[in-house]
Amino acid sequence: MKQTDVVIIGGGLTGLTVATYVARAGLQAAVFEKAASIGGRAATQDHQGYSLNRGGHALYPGGAATRVLRELAISVPAGSPRNVQALLQG
């Protein structure tokens, strides 16, 4: 059985990023996620022809998350929201 150096609880954006850095450091990481898919709330769900963000996430061009993803050689396509509506207490 392989040795695990670091155990990461949660396969969201942060957990997966930490796992990548751990692996790059030459250590063995194990990621545990309770959901059926990884990514956490950084996901979009289609519902009756509408795209709904599952969480309050945004990847801004100059933001910290975007810088980390680019450092990890993960492509972050830029775009502007279209046909957007916000619901306050809705």
Protein backbone atom coordinates (compact mmCIF):
# COMPACT_ATOMS: atom_id res chain seq x y z
CA MET A 1 0.00 0.00 0.00
CA LYS A 2 1.28 3.48 -0.86
CA GLN A 3 1.95 5.97 1.88
CA THR A 4 -0.17 9.12 1.92
CA ASP A 5 1.65 12.22 3.08
CA VAL A 6 -1.29 14.63 2.99
CA VAL A 7 -5.03 13.99 3.28
CA ILE A 8 -7.27 16.66 1.76
CA ILE A 9 -10.95 16.81 2.66
CA GLY A 10 -12.98 18.32 -0.17
CA GLY A 11 -12.52 18.20 -3.92
CA GLY A 12 -13.49 21.79 -4.61
CA LEU A 13 -11.25 24.39 -6.21
CA THR A 14 -9.14 24.86 -3.08
CA GLY A 15 -8.76 21.15 -2.32
CA LEU A 16 -7.74 20.32 -5.88
CA THR A 17 -5.30 23.24 -5.96
CA VAL A 18 -3.67 22.10 -2.70
CA ALA A 19 -3.43 18.54 -4.04
CA THR A 20 -1.64 19.83 -7.14
CA TYR A 21 0.91 21.78 -5.09
CA VAL A 22 1.45 18.78 -2.79
CA ALA A 23 2.07 16.49 -5.77
CA ARG A 24 4.46 19.00 -7.34
CA ALA A 25 6.41 18.99 -4.08
CA GLY A 26 6.90 15.24 -4.54
CA LEU A 27 4.45 14.16 -1.85
CA GLN A 28 1.54 11.73 -2.08
CA ALA A 29 -1.89 13.33 -1.61
CA ALA A 30 -5.30 11.74 -1.14
CA VAL A 31 -8.41 13.83 -1.86
CA PHE A 32 -11.74 12.81 -0.33
CA GLU A 33 -14.95 14.29 -1.75
CA LYS A 34 -18.45 13.36 -0.63
CA ALA A 35 -20.21 14.52 -3.81
CA ALA A 36 -20.48 12.43 -6.96
CA SER A 37 -18.27 14.89 -8.86
CA ILE A 38 -15.32 17.12 -8.06
CA GLY A 39 -15.18 20.89 -8.35
CA GLY A 40 -17.37 21.83 -5.43
CA ARG A 41 -19.40 24.96 -6.01
CA ALA A 42 -17.23 26.02 -8.94
CA ALA A 43 -19.74 24.55 -11.36
CA THR A 44 -22.59 25.59 -13.60
CA GLN A 45 -25.84 23.65 -13.72
CA ASP A 46 -28.25 23.72 -16.66
CA HIS A 47 -31.88 24.05 -15.62
CA GLN A 48 -34.72 24.46 -18.12
CA GLY A 49 -32.47 26.17 -20.65
CA TYR A 50 -30.76 28.44 -18.11
CA SER A 51 -27.21 28.20 -16.82
CA LEU A 52 -27.08 28.58 -13.04
CA ASN A 53 -23.94 28.97 -10.95
CA ARG A 54 -24.00 26.60 -7.99
CA GLY A 55 -21.92 28.92 -5.84
CA GLY A 56 -20.94 32.51 -5.45
CA HIS A 57 -17.73 32.08 -7.41
CA ALA A 58 -16.19 34.32 -10.02
CA LEU A 59 -12.80 34.17 -11.65
CA TYR A 60 -11.70 37.73 -12.24
CA PRO A 61 -8.87 38.32 -14.76
CA GLY A 62 -6.59 39.91 -12.13
CA GLY A 63 -7.82 37.87 -9.18
CA ALA A 64 -5.84 35.54 -6.95
CA ALA A 65 -7.68 32.39 -8.08
CA THR A 66 -7.02 33.15 -11.74
CA ARG A 67 -3.32 33.76 -11.03
CA VAL A 68 -3.03 30.41 -9.23
CA LEU A 69 -4.81 28.53 -12.03
CA ARG A 70 -2.53 30.10 -14.64
CA GLU A 71 0.51 29.22 -12.52
CA LEU A 72 -0.72 25.62 -12.62
CA ALA A 73 -1.04 25.90 -16.44
CA ILE A 74 -4.84 25.67 -16.31
CA SER A 75 -6.51 27.70 -19.04
CA VAL A 76 -8.98 30.29 -17.81
CA PRO A 77 -11.09 31.56 -20.73
CA ALA A 78 -12.15 35.17 -20.35
CA GLY A 79 -15.69 36.23 -21.02
CA SER A 80 -18.38 38.65 -20.05
CA PRO A 81 -21.70 37.58 -18.59
CA ARG A 82 -24.65 37.91 -20.97
CA ASN A 83 -28.35 38.06 -20.19
CA VAL A 84 -27.65 38.30 -16.46
CA GLN A 85 -30.22 38.90 -13.76
CA ALA A 86 -29.61 39.19 -10.05
CA LEU A 87 -32.21 38.33 -7.44
CA LEU A 88 -32.00 40.05 -4.09
CA GLN A 89 -33.56 37.88 -1.38
CA GLY A 90 -35.11 35.89 -4.21
